[in-house]
Amino acid sequence: MSASDRAMHHEGEGFFCVILDSGTGIVRRVVVVKSSGYAGIDQSVIDALRQWKLRPRKWKQFEIHVGLSFRSRGSNQSLEPTAGRRDAHT
């Protein structure tokens, strides 16, 4: 997430489809199914998901819901990631 997104306390939820190379488990592509409403948040989620590697020959793709919000802790602001995984498609 960009510094400007953090400074403006942008929050959002998005829904992403992760397409894997089934032979290696490496992420080939991430598709934004439902945007968080902020390009910076979406790109940060895509960049993070592209680093994942799953067990080979287990899944071809899966969908994931990701929500990002800020929570106040005293005078500091912190980013709180939340993610839930839906059924994998084979």
C-alpha atoms as a PDB file:
ATOM      1  CA  MET A   1       0.000   0.000   0.000  1.00  0.00           C
ATOM      2  CA  SER A   2       1.373   3.399  -0.913  1.00  0.00           C
ATOM      3  CA  ALA A   3       2.378   5.973   1.681  1.00  0.00           C
ATOM      4  CA  SER A   4      -0.401   8.271   0.468  1.00  0.00           C
ATOM      5  CA  ASP A   5      -3.016   5.498   0.925  1.00  0.00           C
ATOM      6  CA  ARG A   6      -1.739   4.978   4.479  1.00  0.00           C
ATOM      7  CA  ALA A   7      -1.628   8.706   5.227  1.00  0.00           C
ATOM      8  CA  MET A   8      -5.212   9.121   4.003  1.00  0.00           C
ATOM      9  CA  HIS A   9      -6.293   6.038   6.011  1.00  0.00           C
ATOM     10  CA  HIS A  10      -7.779   4.389   2.952  1.00  0.00           C
ATOM     11  CA  GLU A  11      -9.613   1.194   3.806  1.00  0.00           C
ATOM     12  CA  GLY A  12     -11.278  -1.365   1.625  1.00  0.00           C
ATOM     13  CA  GLU A  13     -12.294  -4.904   0.896  1.00  0.00           C
ATOM     14  CA  GLY A  14     -11.640  -6.700  -2.331  1.00  0.00           C
ATOM     15  CA  PHE A  15     -12.207 -10.068  -3.904  1.00  0.00           C
ATOM     16  CA  PHE A  16      -9.428 -11.662  -5.952  1.00  0.00           C
ATOM     17  CA  CYS A  17      -9.033 -14.791  -8.080  1.00  0.00           C
ATOM     18  CA  VAL A  18      -5.597 -16.400  -7.897  1.00  0.00           C
ATOM     19  CA  ILE A  19      -4.654 -18.563 -10.891  1.00  0.00           C
ATOM     20  CA  LEU A  20      -1.871 -21.065 -10.317  1.00  0.00           C
ATOM     21  CA  ASP A  21       0.511 -23.108 -12.414  1.00  0.00           C
ATOM     22  CA  SER A  22      -0.834 -26.451 -11.222  1.00  0.00           C
ATOM     23  CA  GLY A  23       2.471 -28.217 -11.883  1.00  0.00           C
ATOM     24  CA  THR A  24       4.566 -25.899  -9.710  1.00  0.00           C
ATOM     25  CA  GLY A  25       2.043 -24.224  -7.374  1.00  0.00           C
ATOM     26  CA  ILE A  26       3.385 -20.794  -8.402  1.00  0.00           C
ATOM     27  CA  VAL A  27       0.911 -17.947  -8.885  1.00  0.00           C
ATOM     28  CA  ARG A  28       0.602 -17.157 -12.608  1.00  0.00           C
ATOM     29  CA  ARG A  29      -1.985 -14.396 -12.413  1.00  0.00           C
ATOM     30  CA  VAL A  30      -4.189 -12.512  -9.961  1.00  0.00           C
ATOM     31  CA  VAL A  31      -7.517 -11.128 -11.207  1.00  0.00           C
ATOM     32  CA  VAL A  32      -9.423  -8.420  -9.348  1.00  0.00           C
ATOM     33  CA  VAL A  33     -12.995  -9.720  -9.154  1.00  0.00           C
ATOM     34  CA  LYS A  34     -14.193  -6.855  -6.918  1.00  0.00           C
ATOM     35  CA  SER A  35     -11.944  -3.852  -6.324  1.00  0.00           C
ATOM     36  CA  SER A  36     -11.341  -2.396  -2.875  1.00  0.00           C
ATOM     37  CA  GLY A  37     -12.038   0.983  -4.434  1.00  0.00           C
ATOM     38  CA  TYR A  38      -8.388   2.036  -4.253  1.00  0.00           C
ATOM     39  CA  ALA A  39      -5.857   1.107  -6.923  1.00  0.00           C
ATOM     40  CA  GLY A  40      -3.012   1.221  -4.374  1.00  0.00           C
ATOM     41  CA  ILE A  41      -4.698  -1.290  -2.076  1.00  0.00           C
ATOM     42  CA  ASP A  42      -5.578  -3.580  -4.982  1.00  0.00           C
ATOM     43  CA  GLN A  43      -2.008  -3.480  -6.296  1.00  0.00           C
ATOM     44  CA  SER A  44      -0.564  -4.214  -2.843  1.00  0.00           C
ATOM     45  CA  VAL A  45      -2.827  -7.253  -2.502  1.00  0.00           C
ATOM     46  CA  ILE A  46      -1.900  -8.436  -6.014  1.00  0.00           C
ATOM     47  CA  ASP A  47       1.816  -8.014  -5.261  1.00  0.00           C
ATOM     48  CA  ALA A  48       1.462  -9.984  -2.009  1.00  0.00           C
ATOM     49  CA  LEU A  49      -0.566 -12.793  -3.604  1.00  0.00           C
ATOM     50  CA  ARG A  50       1.954 -13.136  -6.442  1.00  0.00           C
ATOM     51  CA  GLN A  51       4.558 -14.130  -3.838  1.00  0.00           C
ATOM     52  CA  TRP A  52       2.540 -17.123  -2.660  1.00  0.00           C
ATOM     53  CA  LYS A  53       3.456 -20.665  -3.629  1.00  0.00           C
ATOM     54  CA  LEU A  54       1.112 -23.554  -2.955  1.00  0.00           C
ATOM     55  CA  ARG A  55       1.482 -27.304  -3.067  1.00  0.00           C
ATOM     56  CA  PRO A  56       1.887 -28.455  -6.695  1.00  0.00           C
ATOM     57  CA  ARG A  57      -1.012 -30.309  -8.356  1.00  0.00           C
ATOM     58  CA  LYS A  58      -3.378 -29.353  -5.532  1.00  0.00           C
ATOM     59  CA  TRP A  59      -5.301 -26.390  -7.028  1.00  0.00           C
ATOM     60  CA  LYS A  60      -5.648 -24.606 -10.355  1.00  0.00           C
ATOM     61  CA  GLN A  61      -7.138 -21.461  -8.861  1.00  0.00           C
ATOM     62  CA  PHE A  62      -8.881 -20.097  -5.791  1.00  0.00           C
ATOM     63  CA  GLU A  63     -10.730 -16.965  -4.745  1.00  0.00           C
ATOM     64  CA  ILE A  64      -9.844 -14.892  -1.717  1.00  0.00           C
ATOM     65  CA  HIS A  65     -11.507 -12.009   0.098  1.00  0.00           C
ATOM     66  CA  VAL A  66      -9.091  -9.443   1.540  1.00  0.00           C
ATOM     67  CA  GLY A  67      -9.998  -6.530   3.804  1.00  0.00           C
ATOM     68  CA  LEU A  68      -7.678  -3.768   5.000  1.00  0.00           C
ATOM     69  CA  SER A  69      -8.580  -1.307   7.729  1.00  0.00           C
ATOM     70  CA  PHE A  70      -6.872   1.024  10.162  1.00  0.00           C
ATOM     71  CA  ARG A  71      -7.332   0.684  13.894  1.00  0.00           C
ATOM     72  CA  SER A  72      -6.314   3.333  16.358  1.00  0.00           C
ATOM     73  CA  ARG A  73      -3.903   2.335  19.137  1.00  0.00           C
ATOM     74  CA  GLY A  74      -3.256   5.401  21.235  1.00  0.00           C
ATOM     75  CA  SER A  75      -1.674   7.996  18.981  1.00  0.00           C
ATOM     76  CA  ASN A  76      -0.390   5.446  16.408  1.00  0.00           C
ATOM     77  CA  GLN A  77      -2.287   4.053  13.438  1.00  0.00           C
ATOM     78  CA  SER A  78      -1.671   0.495  12.353  1.00  0.00           C
ATOM     79  CA  LEU A  79      -2.680  -1.499   9.312  1.00  0.00           C
ATOM     80  CA  GLU A  80      -4.747  -4.544  10.178  1.00  0.00           C
ATOM     81  CA  PRO A  81      -4.953  -7.113   7.357  1.00  0.00           C
ATOM     82  CA  THR A  82      -7.744  -9.650   7.331  1.00  0.00           C
ATOM     83  CA  ALA A  83      -8.231 -12.417   4.839  1.00  0.00           C
ATOM     84  CA  GLY A  84     -10.644 -15.288   4.368  1.00  0.00           C
ATOM     85  CA  ARG A  85     -10.300 -18.037   1.796  1.00  0.00           C
ATOM     86  CA  ARG A  86     -13.196 -19.500  -0.164  1.00  0.00           C
ATOM     87  CA  ASP A  87     -13.407 -22.935  -1.716  1.00  0.00           C
ATOM     88  CA  ALA A  88     -10.610 -23.782  -4.115  1.00  0.00           C
ATOM     89  CA  HIS A  89     -11.569 -24.656  -7.688  1.00  0.00           C
ATOM     90  CA  THR A  90      -9.993 -27.734  -9.175  1.00  0.00           C
END
